[in-house]
Amino acid sequence: MRKLVATLVFIALVFVAHRYLMPDDDGQIRDRLAALARAATVARELSPLEVAARANEAQGYVTSTAVIELKPLEGAARKIEGREGLRLAIAAAALRFHLLTVSFLDVKTEISPDRRSATAYATARARSEAEKWEEVIELKFSLEKENGVWLISRAENHESLERR
């Protein structure tokens, strides 16, 4: 009986360790998007070094030729090109908002059969309570796997069928 219990516990531990230490592509993409959202969350009271660190961290989630095209519900469309463009956009957000919180909700992924590219759909939410501002838009991310790491090559607005 003890051997059976020990075997079951061992199998459960192996399963849990495999799940957390070696997540599948879907899990890796979700984790990368969540980490990007944390890096893009900035506050005015952060020191310039902290803002630079977050902006530099965010650069690691996109390709060098990434294009991010955002069309907010209000205001002009914005196009961010490359890692440097993303770094500058995050630095500008830190100056503009008292506290800007970014999150990606409802992430759905589609991995290509060759497992080298993927598409992710997410509801993006940017919020600043101090300025009483919130923006919620649906985004489509195109990702490429480079050296075993998923990087965003393109992000743009996406309308789901429910809103058309």
N, C-alpha and C. Protein backbone atom coordinates (compact mmCIF):
# COMPACT_ATOMS: atom_id res chain seq x y z
N MET A 1 0.82 -1.20 0.00
CA MET A 1 0.00 0.00 0.00
C MET A 1 0.87 1.27 0.00
N ARG A 2 1.93 1.23 0.81
CA ARG A 2 2.82 2.39 0.87
C ARG A 2 3.50 2.64 -0.47
N LYS A 3 3.87 1.55 -1.15
CA LYS A 3 4.51 1.70 -2.45
C LYS A 3 3.55 2.32 -3.46
N LEU A 4 2.29 1.94 -3.39
CA LEU A 4 1.29 2.50 -4.30
C LEU A 4 1.12 4.00 -4.05
N VAL A 5 1.00 4.38 -2.79
CA VAL A 5 0.85 5.80 -2.44
C VAL A 5 2.10 6.58 -2.85
N ALA A 6 3.27 6.02 -2.58
CA ALA A 6 4.52 6.69 -2.95
C ALA A 6 4.61 6.85 -4.47
N THR A 7 4.20 5.83 -5.21
CA THR A 7 4.22 5.90 -6.67
C THR A 7 3.27 6.97 -7.18
N LEU A 8 2.07 7.02 -6.63
CA LEU A 8 1.09 8.04 -7.04
C LEU A 8 1.58 9.45 -6.72
N VAL A 9 2.17 9.63 -5.56
CA VAL A 9 2.72 10.94 -5.19
C VAL A 9 3.85 11.32 -6.13
N PHE A 10 4.72 10.37 -6.46
CA PHE A 10 5.81 10.63 -7.38
C PHE A 10 5.29 11.02 -8.76
N ILE A 11 4.30 10.32 -9.26
CA ILE A 11 3.71 10.64 -10.56
C ILE A 11 3.10 12.04 -10.54
N ALA A 12 2.41 12.38 -9.47
CA ALA A 12 1.81 13.71 -9.34
C ALA A 12 2.90 14.79 -9.33
N LEU A 13 3.98 14.55 -8.61
CA LEU A 13 5.07 15.52 -8.55
C LEU A 13 5.74 15.70 -9.91
N VAL A 14 5.92 14.61 -10.63
CA VAL A 14 6.51 14.69 -11.97
C VAL A 14 5.60 15.49 -12.89
N PHE A 15 4.31 15.25 -12.83
CA PHE A 15 3.35 15.98 -13.66
C PHE A 15 3.39 17.47 -13.34
N VAL A 16 3.34 17.82 -12.08
CA VAL A 16 3.36 19.23 -11.67
C VAL A 16 4.69 19.88 -12.06
N ALA A 17 5.79 19.20 -11.83
CA ALA A 17 7.10 19.75 -12.19
C ALA A 17 7.20 19.96 -13.69
N HIS A 18 6.73 19.00 -14.46
CA HIS A 18 6.78 19.13 -15.92
C HIS A 18 5.93 20.31 -16.38
N ARG A 19 4.77 20.46 -15.80
CA ARG A 19 3.84 21.53 -16.19
C ARG A 19 4.44 22.91 -15.91
N TYR A 20 5.11 23.07 -14.77
CA TYR A 20 5.63 24.38 -14.40
C TYR A 20 7.06 24.63 -14.89
N LEU A 21 7.86 23.60 -15.01
CA LEU A 21 9.24 23.79 -15.45
C LEU A 21 9.37 23.79 -16.96
N MET A 22 8.46 23.10 -17.65
CA MET A 22 8.51 23.03 -19.10
C MET A 22 7.11 23.26 -19.67
N PRO A 23 6.61 24.49 -19.59
CA PRO A 23 5.25 24.73 -20.10
C PRO A 23 5.18 24.55 -21.61
N ASP A 24 4.00 24.23 -22.09
CA ASP A 24 3.80 24.08 -23.52
C ASP A 24 3.83 25.46 -24.19
N ASP A 25 3.76 25.47 -25.52
CA ASP A 25 3.83 26.73 -26.25
C ASP A 25 2.73 27.69 -25.83
N ASP A 26 1.53 27.17 -25.65
CA ASP A 26 0.41 28.01 -25.23
C ASP A 26 0.72 28.68 -23.89
N GLY A 27 1.22 27.92 -22.95
CA GLY A 27 1.57 28.46 -21.64
C GLY A 27 2.70 29.47 -21.71
N GLN A 28 3.68 29.20 -22.57
CA GLN A 28 4.79 30.14 -22.73
C GLN A 28 4.30 31.47 -23.29
N ILE A 29 3.41 31.42 -24.27
CA ILE A 29 2.90 32.65 -24.87
C ILE A 29 2.10 33.44 -23.84
N ARG A 30 1.24 32.77 -23.10
CA ARG A 30 0.47 33.44 -22.04
C ARG A 30 1.39 34.08 -21.01
N ASP A 31 2.42 33.35 -20.60
CA ASP A 31 3.37 33.88 -19.62
C ASP A 31 4.11 35.10 -20.17
N ARG A 32 4.51 35.04 -21.44
CA ARG A 32 5.22 36.17 -22.05
C ARG A 32 4.33 37.40 -22.13
N LEU A 33 3.06 37.22 -22.51
CA LEU A 33 2.14 38.37 -22.58
C LEU A 33 1.91 38.96 -21.18
N ALA A 34 1.77 38.11 -20.18
CA ALA A 34 1.59 38.60 -18.81
C ALA A 34 2.82 39.37 -18.34
N ALA A 35 4.01 38.87 -18.68
CA ALA A 35 5.24 39.56 -18.29
C ALA A 35 5.38 40.89 -19.03
N LEU A 36 4.97 40.92 -20.30
CA LEU A 36 5.00 42.18 -21.06
C LEU A 36 4.06 43.20 -20.41
N ALA A 37 2.89 42.76 -19.99
CA ALA A 37 1.94 43.67 -19.34
C ALA A 37 2.54 44.23 -18.04
N ARG A 38 3.21 43.38 -17.27
CA ARG A 38 3.85 43.87 -16.04
C ARG A 38 4.94 44.89 -16.35
N ALA A 39 5.71 44.64 -17.41
CA ALA A 39 6.78 45.58 -17.78
C ALA A 39 6.21 46.90 -18.28
N ALA A 40 5.04 46.86 -18.92
CA ALA A 40 4.43 48.08 -19.46
C ALA A 40 3.63 48.84 -18.40
N THR A 41 3.46 48.27 -17.22
CA THR A 41 2.78 48.96 -16.12
C THR A 41 3.77 49.91 -15.48
N VAL A 42 3.49 51.20 -15.57
CA VAL A 42 4.44 52.21 -15.10
C VAL A 42 3.73 53.25 -14.23
N ALA A 43 4.53 53.97 -13.47
CA ALA A 43 4.00 55.02 -12.61
C ALA A 43 4.93 56.23 -12.67
N ARG A 44 4.36 57.40 -12.51
CA ARG A 44 5.14 58.63 -12.56
C ARG A 44 6.18 58.69 -11.46
N GLU A 45 5.87 58.09 -10.30
CA GLU A 45 6.82 58.18 -9.19
C GLU A 45 7.99 57.20 -9.31
N LEU A 46 8.01 56.38 -10.33
CA LEU A 46 9.17 55.51 -10.55
C LEU A 46 10.38 56.37 -10.91
N SER A 47 11.53 55.95 -10.46
CA SER A 47 12.75 56.68 -10.82
C SER A 47 13.03 56.45 -12.30
N PRO A 48 13.80 57.35 -12.91
CA PRO A 48 14.15 57.15 -14.33
C PRO A 48 14.83 55.80 -14.59
N LEU A 49 15.61 55.33 -13.63
CA LEU A 49 16.26 54.02 -13.79
C LEU A 49 15.23 52.89 -13.79
N GLU A 50 14.22 52.99 -12.92
CA GLU A 50 13.18 51.96 -12.89
C GLU A 50 12.36 51.95 -14.17
N VAL A 51 12.04 53.14 -14.69
CA VAL A 51 11.30 53.23 -15.95
C VAL A 51 12.14 52.64 -17.08
N ALA A 52 13.43 52.99 -17.10
CA ALA A 52 14.32 52.45 -18.14
C ALA A 52 14.42 50.93 -18.04
N ALA A 53 14.48 50.42 -16.82
CA ALA A 53 14.57 48.97 -16.63
C ALA A 53 13.31 48.27 -17.16
N ARG A 54 12.14 48.84 -16.86
CA ARG A 54 10.90 48.24 -17.36
C ARG A 54 10.81 48.33 -18.87
N ALA A 55 11.19 49.47 -19.41
CA ALA A 55 11.14 49.64 -20.87
C ALA A 55 12.12 48.69 -21.55
N ASN A 56 13.30 48.53 -20.98
CA ASN A 56 14.27 47.59 -21.54
C ASN A 56 13.78 46.15 -21.43
N GLU A 57 13.12 45.83 -20.33
CA GLU A 57 12.55 44.49 -20.18
C GLU A 57 11.50 44.23 -21.25
N ALA A 58 10.66 45.23 -21.51
CA ALA A 58 9.60 45.08 -22.52
C ALA A 58 10.18 44.83 -23.90
N GLN A 59 11.35 45.40 -24.18
CA GLN A 59 11.99 45.19 -25.48
C GLN A 59 12.28 43.71 -25.74
N GLY A 60 12.49 42.96 -24.69
CA GLY A 60 12.81 41.55 -24.82
C GLY A 60 11.63 40.68 -25.23
N TYR A 61 10.45 41.26 -25.34
CA TYR A 61 9.26 40.48 -25.69
C TYR A 61 8.84 40.68 -27.15
N VAL A 62 9.58 41.51 -27.88
CA VAL A 62 9.24 41.78 -29.28
C VAL A 62 10.47 41.54 -30.16
N THR A 63 10.22 41.31 -31.45
CA THR A 63 11.32 41.18 -32.40
C THR A 63 11.89 42.58 -32.68
N SER A 64 13.07 42.61 -33.26
CA SER A 64 13.68 43.91 -33.57
C SER A 64 12.90 44.67 -34.63
N THR A 65 12.12 43.96 -35.43
CA THR A 65 11.33 44.60 -36.49
C THR A 65 9.84 44.62 -36.17
N ALA A 66 9.49 44.47 -34.92
CA ALA A 66 8.08 44.41 -34.53
C ALA A 66 7.34 45.69 -34.91
N VAL A 67 6.08 45.52 -35.27
CA VAL A 67 5.20 46.66 -35.57
C VAL A 67 3.96 46.51 -34.70
N ILE A 68 3.66 47.55 -33.94
CA ILE A 68 2.48 47.57 -33.09
C ILE A 68 1.61 48.72 -33.55
N GLU A 69 0.43 48.40 -34.06
CA GLU A 69 -0.50 49.42 -34.54
C GLU A 69 -1.74 49.38 -33.66
N LEU A 70 -1.96 50.46 -32.93
CA LEU A 70 -3.09 50.54 -32.02
C LEU A 70 -4.04 51.65 -32.45
N LYS A 71 -5.31 51.31 -32.51
CA LYS A 71 -6.34 52.30 -32.81
C LYS A 71 -7.24 52.39 -31.58
N PRO A 72 -6.98 53.35 -30.70
CA PRO A 72 -7.81 53.46 -29.50
C PRO A 72 -9.23 53.88 -29.85
N LEU A 73 -10.13 53.67 -28.90
CA LEU A 73 -11.52 54.04 -29.13
C LEU A 73 -11.65 55.54 -29.36
N GLU A 74 -10.82 56.31 -28.68
CA GLU A 74 -10.80 57.77 -28.85
C GLU A 74 -9.36 58.18 -29.16
N GLY A 75 -9.22 59.17 -30.01
CA GLY A 75 -7.88 59.67 -30.32
C GLY A 75 -7.32 59.05 -31.59
N ALA A 76 -6.11 59.46 -31.90
CA ALA A 76 -5.46 59.05 -33.14
C ALA A 76 -4.83 57.67 -33.01
N ALA A 77 -4.71 57.01 -34.15
CA ALA A 77 -4.04 55.72 -34.19
C ALA A 77 -2.56 55.91 -33.87
N ARG A 78 -1.95 54.89 -33.34
CA ARG A 78 -0.54 54.97 -32.94
C ARG A 78 0.20 53.78 -33.52
N LYS A 79 1.36 54.05 -34.09
CA LYS A 79 2.19 52.98 -34.66
C LYS A 79 3.53 53.00 -33.95
N ILE A 80 3.89 51.88 -33.37
CA ILE A 80 5.16 51.73 -32.67
C ILE A 80 5.98 50.72 -33.47
N GLU A 81 7.20 51.12 -33.83
CA GLU A 81 8.03 50.25 -34.65
C GLU A 81 9.31 49.87 -33.92
N GLY A 82 9.57 48.59 -33.86
CA GLY A 82 10.81 48.07 -33.31
C GLY A 82 10.90 48.16 -31.79
N ARG A 83 11.99 47.63 -31.30
CA ARG A 83 12.22 47.61 -29.86
C ARG A 83 12.41 49.01 -29.29
N GLU A 84 13.11 49.85 -30.04
CA GLU A 84 13.36 51.22 -29.57
C GLU A 84 12.06 52.01 -29.48
N GLY A 85 11.17 51.81 -30.44
CA GLY A 85 9.87 52.48 -30.40
C GLY A 85 9.06 52.07 -29.19
N LEU A 86 9.11 50.79 -28.85
CA LEU A 86 8.39 50.31 -27.66
C LEU A 86 8.99 50.90 -26.40
N ARG A 87 10.31 50.96 -26.34
CA ARG A 87 10.97 51.55 -25.16
C ARG A 87 10.56 53.00 -24.97
N LEU A 88 10.53 53.76 -26.06
CA LEU A 88 10.15 55.18 -25.98
C LEU A 88 8.68 55.33 -25.59
N ALA A 89 7.81 54.46 -26.09
CA ALA A 89 6.39 54.54 -25.76
C ALA A 89 6.15 54.29 -24.27
N ILE A 90 6.86 53.33 -23.71
CA ILE A 90 6.71 53.05 -22.28
C ILE A 90 7.26 54.20 -21.44
N ALA A 91 8.38 54.77 -21.85
CA ALA A 91 8.94 55.93 -21.13
C ALA A 91 7.97 57.11 -21.19
N ALA A 92 7.34 57.33 -22.33
CA ALA A 92 6.37 58.43 -22.46
C ALA A 92 5.15 58.18 -21.59
N ALA A 93 4.70 56.94 -21.50
CA ALA A 93 3.55 56.61 -20.65
C ALA A 93 3.86 56.88 -19.18
N ALA A 94 5.09 56.62 -18.78
CA ALA A 94 5.48 56.88 -17.39
C ALA A 94 5.43 58.36 -17.06
N LEU A 95 5.70 59.20 -18.04
CA LEU A 95 5.63 60.64 -17.82
C LEU A 95 4.19 61.15 -17.85
N ARG A 96 3.36 60.53 -18.66
CA ARG A 96 1.99 61.01 -18.85
C ARG A 96 1.04 60.60 -17.74
N PHE A 97 1.16 59.38 -17.24
CA PHE A 97 0.19 58.85 -16.28
C PHE A 97 0.78 58.77 -14.88
N HIS A 98 -0.07 59.05 -13.90
CA HIS A 98 0.33 58.88 -12.51
C HIS A 98 0.62 57.40 -12.25
N LEU A 99 -0.27 56.53 -12.70
CA LEU A 99 -0.09 55.08 -12.63
C LEU A 99 -0.85 54.47 -13.79
N LEU A 100 -0.16 53.77 -14.65
CA LEU A 100 -0.78 53.10 -15.79
C LEU A 100 -0.64 51.60 -15.58
N THR A 101 -1.77 50.92 -15.49
CA THR A 101 -1.79 49.47 -15.31
C THR A 101 -2.21 48.82 -16.61
N VAL A 102 -1.43 47.88 -17.08
CA VAL A 102 -1.72 47.18 -18.34
C VAL A 102 -1.94 45.70 -18.03
N SER A 103 -2.96 45.11 -18.65
CA SER A 103 -3.19 43.67 -18.49
C SER A 103 -3.79 43.11 -19.78
N PHE A 104 -3.53 41.84 -20.00
CA PHE A 104 -4.11 41.13 -21.13
C PHE A 104 -5.05 40.07 -20.58
N LEU A 105 -6.31 40.18 -20.95
CA LEU A 105 -7.34 39.26 -20.46
C LEU A 105 -7.76 38.31 -21.58
N ASP A 106 -8.32 37.21 -21.23
CA ASP A 106 -8.92 36.28 -22.20
C ASP A 106 -7.99 35.95 -23.36
N VAL A 107 -6.81 35.50 -23.08
CA VAL A 107 -5.84 35.18 -24.13
C VAL A 107 -6.20 33.84 -24.79
N LYS A 108 -6.28 33.86 -26.11
CA LYS A 108 -6.53 32.64 -26.90
C LYS A 108 -5.40 32.52 -27.90
N THR A 109 -4.79 31.35 -27.98
CA THR A 109 -3.65 31.16 -28.87
C THR A 109 -3.94 30.13 -29.95
N GLU A 110 -3.30 30.33 -31.09
CA GLU A 110 -3.34 29.37 -32.20
C GLU A 110 -1.89 29.15 -32.63
N ILE A 111 -1.38 27.96 -32.42
CA ILE A 111 -0.01 27.62 -32.76
C ILE A 111 0.01 27.00 -34.15
N SER A 112 0.94 27.42 -35.00
CA SER A 112 1.04 26.84 -36.35
C SER A 112 1.53 25.39 -36.25
N PRO A 113 1.25 24.58 -37.26
CA PRO A 113 1.69 23.18 -37.23
C PRO A 113 3.21 23.01 -37.09
N ASP A 114 3.99 23.95 -37.63
CA ASP A 114 5.45 23.84 -37.52
C ASP A 114 5.98 24.34 -36.17
N ARG A 115 5.11 24.88 -35.35
CA ARG A 115 5.43 25.37 -34.00
C ARG A 115 6.51 26.46 -34.00
N ARG A 116 6.59 27.22 -35.10
CA ARG A 116 7.55 28.33 -35.20
C ARG A 116 6.84 29.67 -35.20
N SER A 117 5.54 29.67 -35.43
CA SER A 117 4.78 30.92 -35.41
C SER A 117 3.44 30.66 -34.73
N ALA A 118 2.86 31.73 -34.26
CA ALA A 118 1.59 31.61 -33.54
C ALA A 118 0.83 32.93 -33.64
N THR A 119 -0.45 32.83 -33.38
CA THR A 119 -1.31 34.01 -33.29
C THR A 119 -1.99 33.96 -31.94
N ALA A 120 -2.02 35.09 -31.27
CA ALA A 120 -2.71 35.18 -29.98
C ALA A 120 -3.71 36.32 -30.04
N TYR A 121 -4.88 36.07 -29.51
CA TYR A 121 -5.92 37.08 -29.42
C TYR A 121 -6.12 37.38 -27.94
N ALA A 122 -6.18 38.66 -27.60
CA ALA A 122 -6.33 39.03 -26.20
C ALA A 122 -7.12 40.31 -26.08
N THR A 123 -7.81 40.44 -24.97
CA THR A 123 -8.45 41.69 -24.62
C THR A 123 -7.43 42.48 -23.80
N ALA A 124 -7.00 43.61 -24.32
CA ALA A 124 -6.01 44.44 -23.63
C ALA A 124 -6.74 45.52 -22.83
N ARG A 125 -6.28 45.69 -21.61
CA ARG A 125 -6.88 46.71 -20.76
C ARG A 125 -5.77 47.60 -20.21
N ALA A 126 -5.88 48.89 -20.48
CA ALA A 126 -4.96 49.89 -19.93
C ALA A 126 -5.80 50.80 -19.05
N ARG A 127 -5.31 51.04 -17.86
CA ARG A 127 -6.14 51.77 -16.90
C ARG A 127 -5.29 52.70 -16.05
N SER A 128 -5.84 53.90 -15.82
CA SER A 128 -5.22 54.85 -14.91
C SER A 128 -6.31 55.41 -14.01
N GLU A 129 -6.31 54.98 -12.76
CA GLU A 129 -7.35 55.42 -11.83
C GLU A 129 -7.22 56.90 -11.51
N ALA A 130 -5.99 57.39 -11.37
CA ALA A 130 -5.80 58.80 -11.00
C ALA A 130 -6.37 59.73 -12.06
N GLU A 131 -6.17 59.38 -13.32
CA GLU A 131 -6.69 60.21 -14.41
C GLU A 131 -8.10 59.80 -14.83
N LYS A 132 -8.66 58.81 -14.13
CA LYS A 132 -10.01 58.30 -14.44
C LYS A 132 -10.13 57.96 -15.93
N TRP A 133 -9.18 57.14 -16.38
CA TRP A 133 -9.12 56.76 -17.79
C TRP A 133 -8.96 55.26 -17.89
N GLU A 134 -9.68 54.68 -18.84
CA GLU A 134 -9.54 53.25 -19.09
C GLU A 134 -9.81 52.97 -20.57
N GLU A 135 -9.03 52.10 -21.13
CA GLU A 135 -9.18 51.70 -22.53
C GLU A 135 -9.17 50.18 -22.58
N VAL A 136 -10.16 49.61 -23.23
CA VAL A 136 -10.23 48.16 -23.41
C VAL A 136 -10.40 47.90 -24.90
N ILE A 137 -9.43 47.21 -25.48
CA ILE A 137 -9.50 46.88 -26.91
C ILE A 137 -9.07 45.43 -27.12
N GLU A 138 -9.54 44.87 -28.21
CA GLU A 138 -9.14 43.51 -28.57
C GLU A 138 -7.94 43.59 -29.51
N LEU A 139 -6.94 42.78 -29.22
CA LEU A 139 -5.71 42.79 -30.01
C LEU A 139 -5.42 41.42 -30.60
N LYS A 140 -4.75 41.46 -31.73
CA LYS A 140 -4.25 40.25 -32.38
C LYS A 140 -2.74 40.35 -32.40
N PHE A 141 -2.07 39.36 -31.84
CA PHE A 141 -0.61 39.31 -31.80
C PHE A 141 -0.12 38.23 -32.76
N SER A 142 0.86 38.57 -33.57
CA SER A 142 1.57 37.57 -34.38
C SER A 142 2.90 37.34 -33.69
N LEU A 143 3.22 36.09 -33.43
CA LEU A 143 4.44 35.75 -32.70
C LEU A 143 5.31 34.81 -33.52
N GLU A 144 6.61 34.91 -33.29
CA GLU A 144 7.59 34.03 -33.92
C GLU A 144 8.46 33.43 -32.83
N LYS A 145 8.84 32.20 -33.02
CA LYS A 145 9.71 31.55 -32.05
C LYS A 145 11.15 31.70 -32.52
N GLU A 146 11.95 32.42 -31.74
CA GLU A 146 13.36 32.64 -32.05
C GLU A 146 14.21 32.09 -30.91
N ASN A 147 15.08 31.16 -31.23
CA ASN A 147 15.95 30.54 -30.22
C ASN A 147 15.15 29.98 -29.05
N GLY A 148 14.00 29.39 -29.35
CA GLY A 148 13.16 28.77 -28.32
C GLY A 148 12.32 29.74 -27.52
N VAL A 149 12.30 31.02 -27.90
CA VAL A 149 11.56 32.04 -27.16
C VAL A 149 10.52 32.68 -28.09
N TRP A 150 9.30 32.81 -27.59
CA TRP A 150 8.23 33.45 -28.37
C TRP A 150 8.37 34.96 -28.29
N LEU A 151 8.44 35.62 -29.47
CA LEU A 151 8.55 37.08 -29.55
C LEU A 151 7.42 37.62 -30.42
N ILE A 152 6.91 38.78 -30.05
CA ILE A 152 5.84 39.42 -30.81
C ILE A 152 6.45 40.11 -32.03
N SER A 153 5.93 39.78 -33.21
CA SER A 153 6.40 40.44 -34.43
C SER A 153 5.41 41.49 -34.91
N ARG A 154 4.16 41.34 -34.50
CA ARG A 154 3.13 42.31 -34.90
C ARG A 154 1.99 42.25 -33.89
N ALA A 155 1.44 43.43 -33.62
CA ALA A 155 0.24 43.53 -32.78
C ALA A 155 -0.66 44.58 -33.40
N GLU A 156 -1.94 44.28 -33.46
CA GLU A 156 -2.89 45.21 -34.07
C GLU A 156 -4.28 44.97 -33.49
N ASN A 157 -5.14 45.95 -33.70
CA ASN A 157 -6.52 45.81 -33.24
C ASN A 157 -7.19 44.64 -33.95
N HIS A 158 -8.12 44.02 -33.24
CA HIS A 158 -8.86 42.90 -33.81
C HIS A 158 -10.29 42.98 -33.29
N GLU A 159 -11.24 42.85 -34.20
CA GLU A 159 -12.64 42.82 -33.79
C GLU A 159 -13.13 41.40 -33.82
N SER A 160 -13.64 40.94 -32.70
CA SER A 160 -14.19 39.59 -32.67
C SER A 160 -15.54 39.59 -33.37
N LEU A 161 -16.01 38.42 -33.71
CA LEU A 161 -17.29 38.31 -34.40
C LEU A 161 -18.44 38.84 -33.55
N GLU A 162 -18.29 38.78 -32.23
CA GLU A 162 -19.38 39.24 -31.36
C GLU A 162 -19.66 40.73 -31.51
N ARG A 163 -18.64 41.50 -31.90
CA ARG A 163 -18.82 42.95 -31.97
C ARG A 163 -19.10 43.46 -33.38
N ARG A 164 -18.99 42.60 -34.36
CA ARG A 164 -19.18 43.04 -35.75
C ARG A 164 -20.63 43.24 -36.06
